[in-house]
Amino acid sequence: MRSGTDSEPAGAEVLGVPNAVLLAWNRAPATTKGPKPRWTLERLLEAAVDLGDRGGIEAITMSGLAKALGSGTMSLYRYVESREDLVVLASDRALGTPAVPEGGTWRERLRAWVLDLRRTYKEHPWLTAVPVGTEPLLPSYVRRLEAGLACVEELGLPSGRAVTVLTLLWTYTRGDVEQDAELASAAEGRPPAEADRFFAERLRGLGAGEDFARVLRALEADRREPPASGDDEFLDAVEIILNGVEATVSP
């Protein structure tokens, strides 16, 4: 993430995009005032991502970053203008560059694309707390969207429909990781089968037994087979989406 030169105009005035996005695309003008920078922007963002991984998005602050680097807080403002910009840039770095989706069919490649995205969100769960509106202009988001579009290109979908398919998969993936983390916390770390019974007991305690009998039966159902893992349930849902995509292009 190397900055531009002094001869470049202020990118925010030319492109109309936030300064953090300009930094992510290496389009922000270079800073020449003051002493030589002690850190590179890459080093700062590595540390910021680590803060998020260990303490959640709330831990990504200018003061927290300064402490992690052994630096003064004010000195960091020559790299990023605000804590909000720091979070945006850290999220871009964490989302990163996608793996090349492998597979002999569009379904296999798109499934690989989704699983790579899910791995990234699970490695950096604080990403699910980043406002969605900050993502579309970031290099990491655009790279992943480009890779996903390549997966479905052979289907001949209209461009808007193809983006809708990827948005559906992306939204589900992000939401699934966020929900897993929140439910695990609410269920005090219980495995899925025990968590279901845990929530059923709470619902009965709230007097919900008569009005929500179907929900309770689903939560308390005997499991004759080992309960599906989170990965299995996730892939089942992905397959439903892919079946729908295939149905729209089948002759």
C-alpha atoms as a PDB file:
ATOM      1  CA  MET A   1       0.000   0.000   0.000  1.00  0.00           C
ATOM      2  CA  ARG A   2       2.461   2.549  -1.184  1.00  0.00           C
ATOM      3  CA  SER A   3       1.324   6.158  -1.282  1.00  0.00           C
ATOM      4  CA  GLY A   4       1.380   8.279  -4.410  1.00  0.00           C
ATOM      5  CA  THR A   5       3.607  11.272  -5.194  1.00  0.00           C
ATOM      6  CA  ASP A   6       3.376  14.956  -4.291  1.00  0.00           C
ATOM      7  CA  SER A   7       2.445  15.783  -7.887  1.00  0.00           C
ATOM      8  CA  GLU A   8      -0.807  13.847  -7.627  1.00  0.00           C
ATOM      9  CA  PRO A   9      -3.893  15.878  -6.719  1.00  0.00           C
ATOM     10  CA  ALA A  10      -5.825  15.057  -3.588  1.00  0.00           C
ATOM     11  CA  GLY A  11      -7.633  11.904  -4.598  1.00  0.00           C
ATOM     12  CA  ALA A  12     -10.740  12.584  -2.514  1.00  0.00           C
ATOM     13  CA  GLU A  13     -11.403  15.713  -4.594  1.00  0.00           C
ATOM     14  CA  VAL A  14     -10.864  13.906  -7.894  1.00  0.00           C
ATOM     15  CA  LEU A  15     -12.563  10.577  -7.254  1.00  0.00           C
ATOM     16  CA  GLY A  16     -15.086  11.471  -4.594  1.00  0.00           C
ATOM     17  CA  VAL A  17     -14.241   8.482  -2.416  1.00  0.00           C
ATOM     18  CA  PRO A  18     -13.174   8.254   1.250  1.00  0.00           C
ATOM     19  CA  ASN A  19      -9.523   8.728   2.071  1.00  0.00           C
ATOM     20  CA  ALA A  20      -9.253   5.207   3.496  1.00  0.00           C
ATOM     21  CA  VAL A  21     -10.299   3.785   0.132  1.00  0.00           C
ATOM     22  CA  LEU A  22      -7.710   5.956  -1.604  1.00  0.00           C
ATOM     23  CA  LEU A  23      -5.046   4.568   0.718  1.00  0.00           C
ATOM     24  CA  ALA A  24      -6.195   1.018   0.003  1.00  0.00           C
ATOM     25  CA  TRP A  25      -5.792   1.650  -3.736  1.00  0.00           C
ATOM     26  CA  ASN A  26      -2.473   3.508  -3.314  1.00  0.00           C
ATOM     27  CA  ARG A  27      -4.073   6.694  -4.594  1.00  0.00           C
ATOM     28  CA  ALA A  28      -3.569   8.988  -1.599  1.00  0.00           C
ATOM     29  CA  PRO A  29      -0.922  11.723  -1.900  1.00  0.00           C
ATOM     30  CA  ALA A  30       2.328  11.103  -0.068  1.00  0.00           C
ATOM     31  CA  THR A  31       3.121  12.906   3.167  1.00  0.00           C
ATOM     32  CA  THR A  32       6.469  14.693   3.088  1.00  0.00           C
ATOM     33  CA  LYS A  33       6.254  16.834   6.205  1.00  0.00           C
ATOM     34  CA  GLY A  34       7.953  15.782   9.403  1.00  0.00           C
ATOM     35  CA  PRO A  35      10.556  13.086  10.059  1.00  0.00           C
ATOM     36  CA  LYS A  36      10.844   9.896   8.066  1.00  0.00           C
ATOM     37  CA  PRO A  37       7.958   7.540   8.965  1.00  0.00           C
ATOM     38  CA  ARG A  38       8.917   4.922  11.522  1.00  0.00           C
ATOM     39  CA  TRP A  39       6.417   2.373  10.258  1.00  0.00           C
ATOM     40  CA  THR A  40       5.047   1.301   6.929  1.00  0.00           C
ATOM     41  CA  LEU A  41       1.291   1.296   6.447  1.00  0.00           C
ATOM     42  CA  GLU A  42       1.494  -2.455   5.885  1.00  0.00           C
ATOM     43  CA  ARG A  43       3.049  -2.954   9.325  1.00  0.00           C
ATOM     44  CA  LEU A  44       0.367  -0.846  10.973  1.00  0.00           C
ATOM     45  CA  LEU A  45      -2.401  -2.820   9.309  1.00  0.00           C
ATOM     46  CA  GLU A  46      -0.844  -6.160  10.243  1.00  0.00           C
ATOM     47  CA  ALA A  47      -0.913  -5.036  13.862  1.00  0.00           C
ATOM     48  CA  ALA A  48      -4.476  -3.713  13.533  1.00  0.00           C
ATOM     49  CA  VAL A  49      -5.713  -7.013  12.097  1.00  0.00           C
ATOM     50  CA  ASP A  50      -4.041  -8.843  14.979  1.00  0.00           C
ATOM     51  CA  LEU A  51      -5.815  -6.564  17.449  1.00  0.00           C
ATOM     52  CA  GLY A  52      -9.137  -7.397  15.820  1.00  0.00           C
ATOM     53  CA  ASP A  53      -8.430 -11.130  15.794  1.00  0.00           C
ATOM     54  CA  ARG A  54      -7.612 -11.117  19.501  1.00  0.00           C
ATOM     55  CA  GLY A  55     -10.106  -8.578  20.830  1.00  0.00           C
ATOM     56  CA  GLY A  56     -12.797  -7.962  18.231  1.00  0.00           C
ATOM     57  CA  ILE A  57     -13.479  -4.821  16.245  1.00  0.00           C
ATOM     58  CA  GLU A  58     -13.656  -2.757  19.443  1.00  0.00           C
ATOM     59  CA  ALA A  59      -9.959  -3.466  19.997  1.00  0.00           C
ATOM     60  CA  ILE A  60      -8.949  -1.773  16.748  1.00  0.00           C
ATOM     61  CA  THR A  61      -8.278   1.729  18.028  1.00  0.00           C
ATOM     62  CA  MET A  62      -5.535   4.271  17.531  1.00  0.00           C
ATOM     63  CA  SER A  63      -4.484   4.012  21.170  1.00  0.00           C
ATOM     64  CA  GLY A  64      -4.537   0.210  21.082  1.00  0.00           C
ATOM     65  CA  LEU A  65      -2.465   0.174  17.916  1.00  0.00           C
ATOM     66  CA  ALA A  66       0.014   2.625  19.391  1.00  0.00           C
ATOM     67  CA  LYS A  67       0.421   0.423  22.453  1.00  0.00           C
ATOM     68  CA  ALA A  68       0.921  -2.683  20.297  1.00  0.00           C
ATOM     69  CA  LEU A  69       3.607  -0.922  18.273  1.00  0.00           C
ATOM     70  CA  GLY A  70       5.263   0.829  21.200  1.00  0.00           C
ATOM     71  CA  SER A  71       4.533   4.178  19.626  1.00  0.00           C
ATOM     72  CA  GLY A  72       2.795   7.396  20.516  1.00  0.00           C
ATOM     73  CA  THR A  73      -0.840   7.628  19.458  1.00  0.00           C
ATOM     74  CA  MET A  74      -0.472  11.000  17.739  1.00  0.00           C
ATOM     75  CA  SER A  75       2.327   9.729  15.502  1.00  0.00           C
ATOM     76  CA  LEU A  76      -0.097   7.277  13.882  1.00  0.00           C
ATOM     77  CA  TYR A  77      -2.262  10.044  12.467  1.00  0.00           C
ATOM     78  CA  ARG A  78       0.266  10.701   9.731  1.00  0.00           C
ATOM     79  CA  TYR A  79      -0.607   7.253   8.359  1.00  0.00           C
ATOM     80  CA  VAL A  80      -4.402   7.233   8.834  1.00  0.00           C
ATOM     81  CA  GLU A  81      -6.714  10.113   9.629  1.00  0.00           C
ATOM     82  CA  SER A  82      -9.068   8.410  12.058  1.00  0.00           C
ATOM     83  CA  ARG A  83     -10.003   5.245  13.860  1.00  0.00           C
ATOM     84  CA  GLU A  84     -12.772   4.715  11.278  1.00  0.00           C
ATOM     85  CA  ASP A  85     -10.191   4.780   8.465  1.00  0.00           C
ATOM     86  CA  LEU A  86      -8.025   2.339  10.405  1.00  0.00           C
ATOM     87  CA  VAL A  87     -10.905  -0.145  10.683  1.00  0.00           C
ATOM     88  CA  VAL A  88     -11.675   0.133   6.962  1.00  0.00           C
ATOM     89  CA  LEU A  89      -8.053  -0.465   5.978  1.00  0.00           C
ATOM     90  CA  ALA A  90      -7.632  -3.302   8.456  1.00  0.00           C
ATOM     91  CA  SER A  91     -10.765  -4.982   7.090  1.00  0.00           C
ATOM     92  CA  ASP A  92      -9.417  -4.694   3.552  1.00  0.00           C
ATOM     93  CA  ARG A  93      -6.180  -6.337   4.621  1.00  0.00           C
ATOM     94  CA  ALA A  94      -7.985  -9.099   6.540  1.00  0.00           C
ATOM     95  CA  LEU A  95     -10.360  -9.880   3.671  1.00  0.00           C
ATOM     96  CA  GLY A  96      -7.299 -10.099   1.471  1.00  0.00           C
ATOM     97  CA  THR A  97      -6.799 -11.715  -1.908  1.00  0.00           C
ATOM     98  CA  PRO A  98      -8.967 -14.756  -2.677  1.00  0.00           C
ATOM     99  CA  ALA A  99      -7.541 -18.148  -3.469  1.00  0.00           C
ATOM    100  CA  VAL A 100      -8.007 -19.170  -7.086  1.00  0.00           C
ATOM    101  CA  PRO A 101     -11.245 -21.238  -7.100  1.00  0.00           C
ATOM    102  CA  GLU A 102     -10.460 -24.742  -8.320  1.00  0.00           C
ATOM    103  CA  GLY A 103     -12.824 -27.274  -9.845  1.00  0.00           C
ATOM    104  CA  GLY A 104     -13.917 -28.822 -13.092  1.00  0.00           C
ATOM    105  CA  THR A 105     -17.412 -27.324 -13.080  1.00  0.00           C
ATOM    106  CA  TRP A 106     -18.866 -23.932 -12.282  1.00  0.00           C
ATOM    107  CA  ARG A 107     -20.529 -25.415  -9.183  1.00  0.00           C
ATOM    108  CA  GLU A 108     -17.253 -26.768  -7.845  1.00  0.00           C
ATOM    109  CA  ARG A 109     -15.479 -23.485  -8.485  1.00  0.00           C
ATOM    110  CA  LEU A 110     -18.250 -21.388  -6.945  1.00  0.00           C
ATOM    111  CA  ARG A 111     -18.394 -23.702  -3.926  1.00  0.00           C
ATOM    112  CA  ALA A 112     -14.623 -23.276  -3.511  1.00  0.00           C
ATOM    113  CA  TRP A 113     -15.055 -19.498  -3.785  1.00  0.00           C
ATOM    114  CA  VAL A 114     -17.678 -19.514  -1.034  1.00  0.00           C
ATOM    115  CA  LEU A 115     -15.658 -21.767   1.269  1.00  0.00           C
ATOM    116  CA  ASP A 116     -12.571 -19.578   0.878  1.00  0.00           C
ATOM    117  CA  LEU A 117     -14.676 -16.542   1.800  1.00  0.00           C
ATOM    118  CA  ARG A 118     -16.088 -18.370   4.827  1.00  0.00           C
ATOM    119  CA  ARG A 119     -12.618 -19.400   6.009  1.00  0.00           C
ATOM    120  CA  THR A 120     -11.558 -15.775   5.878  1.00  0.00           C
ATOM    121  CA  TYR A 121     -14.538 -14.597   7.926  1.00  0.00           C
ATOM    122  CA  LYS A 122     -13.993 -17.366  10.480  1.00  0.00           C
ATOM    123  CA  GLU A 123     -10.282 -16.479  10.769  1.00  0.00           C
ATOM    124  CA  HIS A 124     -11.239 -12.818  11.281  1.00  0.00           C
ATOM    125  CA  PRO A 125     -14.755 -12.916  12.787  1.00  0.00           C
ATOM    126  CA  TRP A 126     -14.675  -9.213  13.600  1.00  0.00           C
ATOM    127  CA  LEU A 127     -15.101  -8.595   9.862  1.00  0.00           C
ATOM    128  CA  THR A 128     -18.802  -9.328  10.261  1.00  0.00           C
ATOM    129  CA  ALA A 129     -19.072  -6.177  12.406  1.00  0.00           C
ATOM    130  CA  VAL A 130     -17.604  -3.888   9.726  1.00  0.00           C
ATOM    131  CA  PRO A 131     -20.379  -1.802   8.112  1.00  0.00           C
ATOM    132  CA  VAL A 132     -21.364  -3.386   4.798  1.00  0.00           C
ATOM    133  CA  GLY A 133     -21.261  -0.031   3.058  1.00  0.00           C
ATOM    134  CA  THR A 134     -17.487   0.171   3.424  1.00  0.00           C
ATOM    135  CA  GLU A 135     -16.812  -3.002   1.414  1.00  0.00           C
ATOM    136  CA  PRO A 136     -17.751  -2.470  -2.266  1.00  0.00           C
ATOM    137  CA  LEU A 137     -14.960  -0.010  -3.121  1.00  0.00           C
ATOM    138  CA  LEU A 138     -12.170  -1.883  -1.349  1.00  0.00           C
ATOM    139  CA  PRO A 139      -9.602  -3.814  -3.420  1.00  0.00           C
ATOM    140  CA  SER A 140     -10.227  -7.029  -1.478  1.00  0.00           C
ATOM    141  CA  TYR A 141     -13.968  -6.899  -2.149  1.00  0.00           C
ATOM    142  CA  VAL A 142     -13.510  -6.152  -5.853  1.00  0.00           C
ATOM    143  CA  ARG A 143     -10.952  -8.968  -6.244  1.00  0.00           C
ATOM    144  CA  ARG A 144     -13.286 -11.486  -4.629  1.00  0.00           C
ATOM    145  CA  LEU A 145     -16.221 -10.300  -6.715  1.00  0.00           C
ATOM    146  CA  GLU A 146     -14.129 -10.605  -9.872  1.00  0.00           C
ATOM    147  CA  ALA A 147     -13.109 -14.158  -8.916  1.00  0.00           C
ATOM    148  CA  GLY A 148     -16.720 -15.086  -8.230  1.00  0.00           C
ATOM    149  CA  LEU A 149     -17.909 -13.683 -11.557  1.00  0.00           C
ATOM    150  CA  ALA A 150     -15.282 -15.795 -13.305  1.00  0.00           C
ATOM    151  CA  CYS A 151     -16.770 -18.884 -11.633  1.00  0.00           C
ATOM    152  CA  VAL A 152     -20.208 -18.338 -13.166  1.00  0.00           C
ATOM    153  CA  GLU A 153     -19.137 -16.790 -16.460  1.00  0.00           C
ATOM    154  CA  GLU A 154     -19.838 -19.942 -18.460  1.00  0.00           C
ATOM    155  CA  LEU A 155     -23.499 -19.840 -17.403  1.00  0.00           C
ATOM    156  CA  GLY A 156     -24.084 -16.756 -19.521  1.00  0.00           C
ATOM    157  CA  LEU A 157     -26.069 -15.014 -16.791  1.00  0.00           C
ATOM    158  CA  PRO A 158     -26.806 -11.317 -17.271  1.00  0.00           C
ATOM    159  CA  SER A 159     -24.202  -9.343 -15.344  1.00  0.00           C
ATOM    160  CA  GLY A 160     -26.728  -8.024 -12.838  1.00  0.00           C
ATOM    161  CA  ARG A 161     -28.076 -11.524 -12.159  1.00  0.00           C
ATOM    162  CA  ALA A 162     -24.568 -12.895 -11.678  1.00  0.00           C
ATOM    163  CA  VAL A 163     -23.776 -10.179  -9.136  1.00  0.00           C
ATOM    164  CA  THR A 164     -27.070 -10.934  -7.365  1.00  0.00           C
ATOM    165  CA  VAL A 165     -26.084 -14.607  -7.041  1.00  0.00           C
ATOM    166  CA  LEU A 166     -22.704 -13.701  -5.560  1.00  0.00           C
ATOM    167  CA  THR A 167     -24.256 -11.125  -3.245  1.00  0.00           C
ATOM    168  CA  LEU A 168     -26.699 -13.760  -1.982  1.00  0.00           C
ATOM    169  CA  LEU A 169     -23.872 -16.206  -1.289  1.00  0.00           C
ATOM    170  CA  TRP A 170     -21.682 -13.506   0.277  1.00  0.00           C
ATOM    171  CA  THR A 171     -24.461 -12.206   2.507  1.00  0.00           C
ATOM    172  CA  TYR A 172     -25.360 -15.702   3.656  1.00  0.00           C
ATOM    173  CA  THR A 173     -21.708 -16.540   4.349  1.00  0.00           C
ATOM    174  CA  ARG A 174     -21.094 -13.417   6.376  1.00  0.00           C
ATOM    175  CA  GLY A 175     -24.347 -13.844   8.290  1.00  0.00           C
ATOM    176  CA  ASP A 176     -23.685 -17.525   8.982  1.00  0.00           C
ATOM    177  CA  VAL A 177     -20.319 -16.796  10.583  1.00  0.00           C
ATOM    178  CA  GLU A 178     -21.776 -13.947  12.623  1.00  0.00           C
ATOM    179  CA  GLN A 179     -24.728 -16.062  13.792  1.00  0.00           C
ATOM    180  CA  ASP A 180     -22.514 -19.016  14.736  1.00  0.00           C
ATOM    181  CA  ALA A 181     -20.368 -16.776  16.915  1.00  0.00           C
ATOM    182  CA  GLU A 182     -23.334 -15.108  18.595  1.00  0.00           C
ATOM    183  CA  LEU A 183     -25.223 -18.358  19.211  1.00  0.00           C
ATOM    184  CA  ALA A 184     -22.121 -20.044  20.604  1.00  0.00           C
ATOM    185  CA  SER A 185     -21.723 -17.138  22.996  1.00  0.00           C
ATOM    186  CA  ALA A 186     -25.409 -17.160  23.987  1.00  0.00           C
ATOM    187  CA  ALA A 187     -25.357 -20.940  24.474  1.00  0.00           C
ATOM    188  CA  GLU A 188     -22.195 -20.673  26.577  1.00  0.00           C
ATOM    189  CA  GLY A 189     -20.086 -22.694  24.154  1.00  0.00           C
ATOM    190  CA  ARG A 190     -22.378 -25.725  23.951  1.00  0.00           C
ATOM    191  CA  PRO A 191     -22.245 -27.923  20.812  1.00  0.00           C
ATOM    192  CA  PRO A 192     -25.149 -27.423  18.352  1.00  0.00           C
ATOM    193  CA  ALA A 193     -27.321 -30.322  19.628  1.00  0.00           C
ATOM    194  CA  GLU A 194     -27.007 -29.205  23.242  1.00  0.00           C
ATOM    195  CA  ALA A 195     -27.471 -25.581  22.245  1.00  0.00           C
ATOM    196  CA  ASP A 196     -30.825 -26.462  20.631  1.00  0.00           C
ATOM    197  CA  ARG A 197     -32.044 -28.065  23.837  1.00  0.00           C
ATOM    198  CA  PHE A 198     -30.651 -25.125  25.816  1.00  0.00           C
ATOM    199  CA  PHE A 199     -32.754 -22.665  23.812  1.00  0.00           C
ATOM    200  CA  ALA A 200     -35.805 -24.975  23.993  1.00  0.00           C
ATOM    201  CA  GLU A 201     -35.592 -24.976  27.785  1.00  0.00           C
ATOM    202  CA  ARG A 202     -35.385 -21.202  27.818  1.00  0.00           C
ATOM    203  CA  LEU A 203     -38.406 -20.902  25.526  1.00  0.00           C
ATOM    204  CA  ARG A 204     -40.434 -23.218  27.744  1.00  0.00           C
ATOM    205  CA  GLY A 205     -39.359 -21.177  30.745  1.00  0.00           C
ATOM    206  CA  LEU A 206     -40.711 -18.083  29.008  1.00  0.00           C
ATOM    207  CA  GLY A 207     -44.090 -19.778  28.591  1.00  0.00           C
ATOM    208  CA  ALA A 208     -43.718 -20.301  24.849  1.00  0.00           C
ATOM    209  CA  GLY A 209     -44.594 -24.011  24.834  1.00  0.00           C
ATOM    210  CA  GLU A 210     -48.134 -23.787  23.448  1.00  0.00           C
ATOM    211  CA  ASP A 211     -47.742 -21.024  20.887  1.00  0.00           C
ATOM    212  CA  PHE A 212     -44.505 -22.306  19.347  1.00  0.00           C
ATOM    213  CA  ALA A 213     -44.909 -26.048  19.363  1.00  0.00           C
ATOM    214  CA  ARG A 214     -43.313 -26.514  15.934  1.00  0.00           C
ATOM    215  CA  VAL A 215     -40.238 -24.581  16.923  1.00  0.00           C
ATOM    216  CA  LEU A 216     -39.868 -26.568  20.124  1.00  0.00           C
ATOM    217  CA  ARG A 217     -40.296 -29.896  18.310  1.00  0.00           C
ATOM    218  CA  ALA A 218     -37.521 -28.888  15.917  1.00  0.00           C
ATOM    219  CA  LEU A 219     -35.224 -27.870  18.765  1.00  0.00           C
ATOM    220  CA  GLU A 220     -35.953 -30.956  20.873  1.00  0.00           C
ATOM    221  CA  ALA A 221     -36.106 -33.531  18.068  1.00  0.00           C
ATOM    222  CA  ASP A 222     -34.327 -36.819  18.748  1.00  0.00           C
ATOM    223  CA  ARG A 223     -31.225 -37.077  16.618  1.00  0.00           C
ATOM    224  CA  ARG A 224     -30.882 -40.648  15.440  1.00  0.00           C
ATOM    225  CA  GLU A 225     -27.840 -39.663  13.435  1.00  0.00           C
ATOM    226  CA  PRO A 226     -24.876 -37.601  14.602  1.00  0.00           C
ATOM    227  CA  PRO A 227     -25.771 -33.913  14.347  1.00  0.00           C
ATOM    228  CA  ALA A 228     -24.493 -32.162  11.272  1.00  0.00           C
ATOM    229  CA  SER A 229     -21.478 -29.966  11.781  1.00  0.00           C
ATOM    230  CA  GLY A 230     -21.664 -26.276  11.101  1.00  0.00           C
ATOM    231  CA  ASP A 231     -19.762 -26.865   7.879  1.00  0.00           C
ATOM    232  CA  ASP A 232     -22.276 -29.491   6.729  1.00  0.00           C
ATOM    233  CA  GLU A 233     -25.245 -27.256   7.414  1.00  0.00           C
ATOM    234  CA  PHE A 234     -23.530 -24.369   5.665  1.00  0.00           C
ATOM    235  CA  LEU A 235     -22.793 -26.467   2.573  1.00  0.00           C
ATOM    236  CA  ASP A 236     -26.374 -27.775   2.517  1.00  0.00           C
ATOM    237  CA  ALA A 237     -27.618 -24.201   2.317  1.00  0.00           C
ATOM    238  CA  VAL A 238     -25.079 -23.337  -0.371  1.00  0.00           C
ATOM    239  CA  GLU A 239     -26.228 -26.330  -2.433  1.00  0.00           C
ATOM    240  CA  ILE A 240     -29.818 -25.100  -2.231  1.00  0.00           C
ATOM    241  CA  ILE A 241     -28.703 -21.751  -3.628  1.00  0.00           C
ATOM    242  CA  LEU A 242     -26.640 -23.403  -6.372  1.00  0.00           C
ATOM    243  CA  ASN A 243     -29.573 -25.647  -7.298  1.00  0.00           C
ATOM    244  CA  GLY A 244     -31.646 -22.521  -7.758  1.00  0.00           C
ATOM    245  CA  VAL A 245     -28.989 -20.960  -9.959  1.00  0.00           C
ATOM    246  CA  GLU A 246     -28.764 -24.104 -12.066  1.00  0.00           C
ATOM    247  CA  ALA A 247     -32.544 -24.219 -12.466  1.00  0.00           C
ATOM    248  CA  THR A 248     -32.589 -20.708 -13.923  1.00  0.00           C
ATOM    249  CA  VAL A 249     -30.142 -21.618 -16.687  1.00  0.00           C
ATOM    250  CA  SER A 250     -31.318 -25.160 -17.461  1.00  0.00           C
ATOM    251  CA  PRO A 251     -32.991 -25.518 -20.875  1.00  0.00           C
END
